[in-house]
C-alpha atoms as a PDB file:
ATOM      1  CA  UNK A   1      19.043  13.967  23.725  1.00  0.00           C
ATOM      2  CA  UNK A   2      16.952  15.144  20.809  1.00  0.00           C
ATOM      3  CA  UNK A   3      16.265  12.676  18.036  1.00  0.00           C
ATOM      4  CA  UNK A   4      16.724  13.712  14.429  1.00  0.00           C
ATOM      5  CA  UNK A   5      13.793  14.321  12.137  1.00  0.00           C
ATOM      6  CA  UNK A   6      14.501  14.389   8.421  1.00  0.00           C
ATOM      7  CA  UNK A   7      12.076  16.486   6.363  1.00  0.00           C
ATOM      8  CA  UNK A   8      12.894  17.398   2.766  1.00  0.00           C
ATOM      9  CA  UNK A   9      11.356  20.665   1.588  1.00  0.00           C
ATOM     10  CA  UNK A  10      10.778  21.690  -2.024  1.00  0.00           C
ATOM     11  CA  UNK A  11       8.735  24.391  -3.703  1.00  0.00           C
ATOM     12  CA  UNK A  12       6.151  23.660  -6.417  1.00  0.00           C
ATOM     13  CA  UNK A  13       3.806  26.445  -7.434  1.00  0.00           C
ATOM     14  CA  UNK A  14       0.272  25.023  -7.293  1.00  0.00           C
ATOM     15  CA  UNK A  15      -1.635  25.174 -10.552  1.00  0.00           C
ATOM     16  CA  UNK A  16      -4.765  27.338 -10.319  1.00  0.00           C
ATOM     17  CA  UNK A  17      -6.930  24.319 -11.244  1.00  0.00           C
ATOM     18  CA  UNK A  18      -5.843  22.188  -8.276  1.00  0.00           C
ATOM     19  CA  UNK A  19      -8.116  23.928  -5.740  1.00  0.00           C
ATOM     20  CA  UNK A  20     -11.232  23.420  -7.852  1.00  0.00           C
ATOM     21  CA  UNK A  21     -10.252  19.858  -8.652  1.00  0.00           C
ATOM     22  CA  UNK A  22      -9.839  18.904  -4.982  1.00  0.00           C
ATOM     23  CA  UNK A  23     -13.095  20.669  -4.076  1.00  0.00           C
ATOM     24  CA  UNK A  24     -14.939  18.812  -6.852  1.00  0.00           C
ATOM     25  CA  UNK A  25     -14.268  15.480  -5.103  1.00  0.00           C
ATOM     26  CA  UNK A  26     -15.758  16.687  -1.810  1.00  0.00           C
ATOM     27  CA  UNK A  27     -15.494  14.644   1.378  1.00  0.00           C
ATOM     28  CA  UNK A  28     -15.292  11.067   0.158  1.00  0.00           C
ATOM     29  CA  UNK A  29     -14.027   9.709   3.496  1.00  0.00           C
ATOM     30  CA  UNK A  30     -16.973  11.010   5.582  1.00  0.00           C
ATOM     31  CA  UNK A  31     -14.582  12.098   8.333  1.00  0.00           C
ATOM     32  CA  UNK A  32     -13.741   8.466   9.060  1.00  0.00           C
ATOM     33  CA  UNK A  33      -9.942   8.936   8.958  1.00  0.00           C
ATOM     34  CA  UNK A  34      -7.413  10.632  11.239  1.00  0.00           C
ATOM     35  CA  UNK A  35      -8.132  13.833   9.315  1.00  0.00           C
ATOM     36  CA  UNK A  36     -11.301  15.467  10.607  1.00  0.00           C
ATOM     37  CA  UNK A  37     -11.813  17.542   7.455  1.00  0.00           C
ATOM     38  CA  UNK A  38     -13.024  16.999   3.890  1.00  0.00           C
ATOM     39  CA  UNK A  39     -10.807  14.264   2.416  1.00  0.00           C
ATOM     40  CA  UNK A  40     -10.931  12.888  -1.128  1.00  0.00           C
ATOM     41  CA  UNK A  41     -10.399   9.202  -1.905  1.00  0.00           C
ATOM     42  CA  UNK A  42      -6.922   7.720  -1.412  1.00  0.00           C
ATOM     43  CA  UNK A  43      -6.333   7.363  -5.162  1.00  0.00           C
ATOM     44  CA  UNK A  44      -7.451  10.773  -6.387  1.00  0.00           C
ATOM     45  CA  UNK A  45      -4.449  10.913  -8.746  1.00  0.00           C
ATOM     46  CA  UNK A  46      -5.926   8.000 -10.703  1.00  0.00           C
ATOM     47  CA  UNK A  47      -9.111   9.950 -11.445  1.00  0.00           C
ATOM     48  CA  UNK A  48      -7.713  13.249 -12.745  1.00  0.00           C
ATOM     49  CA  UNK A  49      -4.666  14.658 -14.524  1.00  0.00           C
ATOM     50  CA  UNK A  50      -4.617  17.679 -12.188  1.00  0.00           C
ATOM     51  CA  UNK A  51      -1.728  16.186 -10.184  1.00  0.00           C
ATOM     52  CA  UNK A  52       0.414  15.242 -13.177  1.00  0.00           C
ATOM     53  CA  UNK A  53       3.040  17.959 -12.489  1.00  0.00           C
ATOM     54  CA  UNK A  54       3.292  17.031  -8.804  1.00  0.00           C
ATOM     55  CA  UNK A  55       3.692  13.347  -9.671  1.00  0.00           C
ATOM     56  CA  UNK A  56       6.359  14.105 -12.296  1.00  0.00           C
ATOM     57  CA  UNK A  57       8.317  16.190  -9.785  1.00  0.00           C
ATOM     58  CA  UNK A  58       8.082  13.554  -7.049  1.00  0.00           C
ATOM     59  CA  UNK A  59       9.178  10.845  -9.486  1.00  0.00           C
ATOM     60  CA  UNK A  60      12.184  12.962 -10.499  1.00  0.00           C
ATOM     61  CA  UNK A  61      13.131  13.825  -6.903  1.00  0.00           C
ATOM     62  CA  UNK A  62      12.613  10.290  -5.567  1.00  0.00           C
ATOM     63  CA  UNK A  63      13.296   7.900  -8.480  1.00  0.00           C
ATOM     64  CA  UNK A  64      13.476   4.837  -6.206  1.00  0.00           C
ATOM     65  CA  UNK A  65       9.921   5.468  -4.991  1.00  0.00           C
ATOM     66  CA  UNK A  66       6.453   5.357  -6.509  1.00  0.00           C
ATOM     67  CA  UNK A  67       3.317   7.145  -5.401  1.00  0.00           C
ATOM     68  CA  UNK A  68       0.956   4.609  -3.917  1.00  0.00           C
ATOM     69  CA  UNK A  69      -1.695   6.976  -2.578  1.00  0.00           C
ATOM     70  CA  UNK A  70      -2.584  10.630  -3.118  1.00  0.00           C
ATOM     71  CA  UNK A  71      -5.509  12.581  -1.680  1.00  0.00           C
ATOM     72  CA  UNK A  72      -6.660  16.121  -1.042  1.00  0.00           C
ATOM     73  CA  UNK A  73      -7.754  17.617   2.292  1.00  0.00           C
ATOM     74  CA  UNK A  74      -9.783  20.751   2.804  1.00  0.00           C
ATOM     75  CA  UNK A  75      -9.870  22.037   6.374  1.00  0.00           C
ATOM     76  CA  UNK A  76     -12.566  24.485   7.474  1.00  0.00           C
ATOM     77  CA  UNK A  77     -12.517  26.380  10.767  1.00  0.00           C
ATOM     78  CA  UNK A  78     -12.312  23.868  13.631  1.00  0.00           C
ATOM     79  CA  UNK A  79     -11.108  20.963  11.461  1.00  0.00           C
ATOM     80  CA  UNK A  80      -7.945  19.117  12.523  1.00  0.00           C
ATOM     81  CA  UNK A  81      -5.924  15.920  12.085  1.00  0.00           C
ATOM     82  CA  UNK A  82      -5.370  13.497  14.960  1.00  0.00           C
ATOM     83  CA  UNK A  83      -1.831  12.345  15.722  1.00  0.00           C
ATOM     84  CA  UNK A  84      -0.987   9.558  13.279  1.00  0.00           C
ATOM     85  CA  UNK A  85       1.702   8.193  11.004  1.00  0.00           C
ATOM     86  CA  UNK A  86       1.747   6.495   7.615  1.00  0.00           C
ATOM     87  CA  UNK A  87       2.976   3.109   8.774  1.00  0.00           C
ATOM     88  CA  UNK A  88       3.622   0.700   5.932  1.00  0.00           C
ATOM     89  CA  UNK A  89       4.880   3.427   3.593  1.00  0.00           C
ATOM     90  CA  UNK A  90       8.496   4.500   3.216  1.00  0.00           C
ATOM     91  CA  UNK A  91       7.715   8.174   2.651  1.00  0.00           C
ATOM     92  CA  UNK A  92       4.771  10.506   3.138  1.00  0.00           C
ATOM     93  CA  UNK A  93       4.296  13.997   1.725  1.00  0.00           C
ATOM     94  CA  UNK A  94       2.214  17.108   2.155  1.00  0.00           C
ATOM     95  CA  UNK A  95       1.891  19.895  -0.403  1.00  0.00           C
ATOM     96  CA  UNK A  96       0.409  23.178   0.803  1.00  0.00           C
ATOM     97  CA  UNK A  97      -1.893  24.096  -2.076  1.00  0.00           C
ATOM     98  CA  UNK A  98      -4.103  26.876  -0.706  1.00  0.00           C
ATOM     99  CA  UNK A  99      -2.960  28.197   2.663  1.00  0.00           C
ATOM    100  CA  UNK A 100      -1.775  31.297   4.425  1.00  0.00           C
ATOM    101  CA  UNK A 101       1.026  31.647   6.948  1.00  0.00           C
ATOM    102  CA  UNK A 102      -1.561  31.831   9.764  1.00  0.00           C
ATOM    103  CA  UNK A 103      -3.208  28.496   8.926  1.00  0.00           C
ATOM    104  CA  UNK A 104      -2.682  25.589  11.325  1.00  0.00           C
ATOM    105  CA  UNK A 105       0.796  24.079  11.082  1.00  0.00           C
ATOM    106  CA  UNK A 106       1.876  20.483  10.620  1.00  0.00           C
ATOM    107  CA  UNK A 107       3.303  19.386  13.978  1.00  0.00           C
ATOM    108  CA  UNK A 108       5.736  16.540  14.621  1.00  0.00           C
ATOM    109  CA  UNK A 109       5.490  15.903  18.375  1.00  0.00           C
ATOM    110  CA  UNK A 110       8.271  14.433  20.445  1.00  0.00           C
ATOM    111  CA  UNK A 111       6.208  11.390  21.377  1.00  0.00           C
ATOM    112  CA  UNK A 112       9.207   9.752  23.099  1.00  0.00           C
ATOM    113  CA  UNK A 113       9.440  12.789  25.420  1.00  0.00           C
ATOM    114  CA  UNK A 114       6.025  14.477  25.315  1.00  0.00           C
ATOM    115  CA  UNK A 115       7.040  17.044  27.936  1.00  0.00           C
ATOM    116  CA  UNK A 116       9.606  18.426  25.476  1.00  0.00           C
ATOM    117  CA  UNK A 117       8.823  20.831  22.594  1.00  0.00           C
ATOM    118  CA  UNK A 118       7.782  19.273  19.259  1.00  0.00           C
ATOM    119  CA  UNK A 119      10.510  17.997  16.954  1.00  0.00           C
ATOM    120  CA  UNK A 120       9.194  20.300  14.221  1.00  0.00           C
ATOM    121  CA  UNK A 121       6.359  22.728  13.548  1.00  0.00           C
ATOM    122  CA  UNK A 122       5.916  23.360   9.835  1.00  0.00           C
ATOM    123  CA  UNK A 123       4.264  26.614   8.882  1.00  0.00           C
ATOM    124  CA  UNK A 124       1.942  26.104   5.877  1.00  0.00           C
ATOM    125  CA  UNK A 125       3.573  28.194   3.172  1.00  0.00           C
ATOM    126  CA  UNK A 126       1.665  27.873  -0.097  1.00  0.00           C
ATOM    127  CA  UNK A 127       3.607  25.826  -2.637  1.00  0.00           C
ATOM    128  CA  UNK A 128       5.886  24.124  -0.125  1.00  0.00           C
ATOM    129  CA  UNK A 129       6.139  20.368  -0.488  1.00  0.00           C
ATOM    130  CA  UNK A 130       7.447  18.425   2.506  1.00  0.00           C
ATOM    131  CA  UNK A 131       8.543  14.779   2.364  1.00  0.00           C
ATOM    132  CA  UNK A 132       9.214  12.736   5.498  1.00  0.00           C
ATOM    133  CA  UNK A 133       9.391   9.153   6.740  1.00  0.00           C
ATOM    134  CA  UNK A 134       6.040   7.400   6.866  1.00  0.00           C
ATOM    135  CA  UNK A 135       6.887   6.332  10.423  1.00  0.00           C
ATOM    136  CA  UNK A 136       6.893   9.905  11.773  1.00  0.00           C
ATOM    137  CA  UNK A 137       3.924  10.795  13.985  1.00  0.00           C
ATOM    138  CA  UNK A 138       2.344  14.134  13.108  1.00  0.00           C
ATOM    139  CA  UNK A 139      -0.888  16.082  13.544  1.00  0.00           C
ATOM    140  CA  UNK A 140      -2.644  19.328  12.615  1.00  0.00           C
ATOM    141  CA  UNK A 141      -4.155  21.448  15.410  1.00  0.00           C
ATOM    142  CA  UNK A 142      -7.674  22.850  14.891  1.00  0.00           C
ATOM    143  CA  UNK A 143      -7.790  25.261  11.958  1.00  0.00           C
ATOM    144  CA  UNK A 144      -8.622  28.796  13.115  1.00  0.00           C
ATOM    145  CA  UNK A 145      -8.497  30.873   9.927  1.00  0.00           C
ATOM    146  CA  UNK A 146     -11.854  31.981   8.453  1.00  0.00           C
ATOM    147  CA  UNK A 147     -10.885  30.557   5.042  1.00  0.00           C
ATOM    148  CA  UNK A 148     -10.106  26.958   4.108  1.00  0.00           C
ATOM    149  CA  UNK A 149      -6.689  25.277   4.386  1.00  0.00           C
ATOM    150  CA  UNK A 150      -6.097  22.958   1.427  1.00  0.00           C
ATOM    151  CA  UNK A 151      -3.332  20.401   1.123  1.00  0.00           C
ATOM    152  CA  UNK A 152      -2.530  17.445  -1.072  1.00  0.00           C
ATOM    153  CA  UNK A 153      -0.967  14.520   0.753  1.00  0.00           C
ATOM    154  CA  UNK A 154       0.199  11.079  -0.143  1.00  0.00           C
ATOM    155  CA  UNK A 155       2.306   8.028   0.479  1.00  0.00           C
ATOM    156  CA  UNK A 156       5.252   6.636  -1.442  1.00  0.00           C
ATOM    157  CA  UNK A 157       6.751   3.161  -1.401  1.00  0.00           C
ATOM    158  CA  UNK A 158      10.085   1.856  -2.510  1.00  0.00           C
ATOM    159  CA  UNK A 159      10.015   0.409  -6.008  1.00  0.00           C
ATOM    160  CA  UNK A 160      10.680  -3.349  -5.904  1.00  0.00           C
ATOM    161  CA  UNK A 161      10.873  -3.355  -2.108  1.00  0.00           C
ATOM    162  CA  UNK A 162      11.237  -6.900  -0.824  1.00  0.00           C
END
């Protein structure tokens, strides 16, 4: 029996300034997270207005949630993300900011039955915003394209959660 995986998908055209803004922060995590790529600080949205449109859209789509963390990731050839989840957060999101359809996908493995195909493999289509439960395990295989793969990710919590 296959378990259900709920992923909401929306489209938000990335502003041309987002790429430069994420790049300006550089790798502030020193590859010390599950993402073995250049990762900004967890609260990048508090240091720039570049994500204002994204935040407004997320607040409108998910009014019972607030953004608790937001960061940018820039993958170069060979970079990847280890299997992980966002435990402690109700929702997690990924926004494909600068990608091509050949960039490494976001994979949701069937960790309960690892011999089975993944629950989902999300192709990185630029502008697509995917929201899923923070409990869902996911990873990114090594990036093989000669150009970078840039995403903005984050975590959302329920407002007034007890």
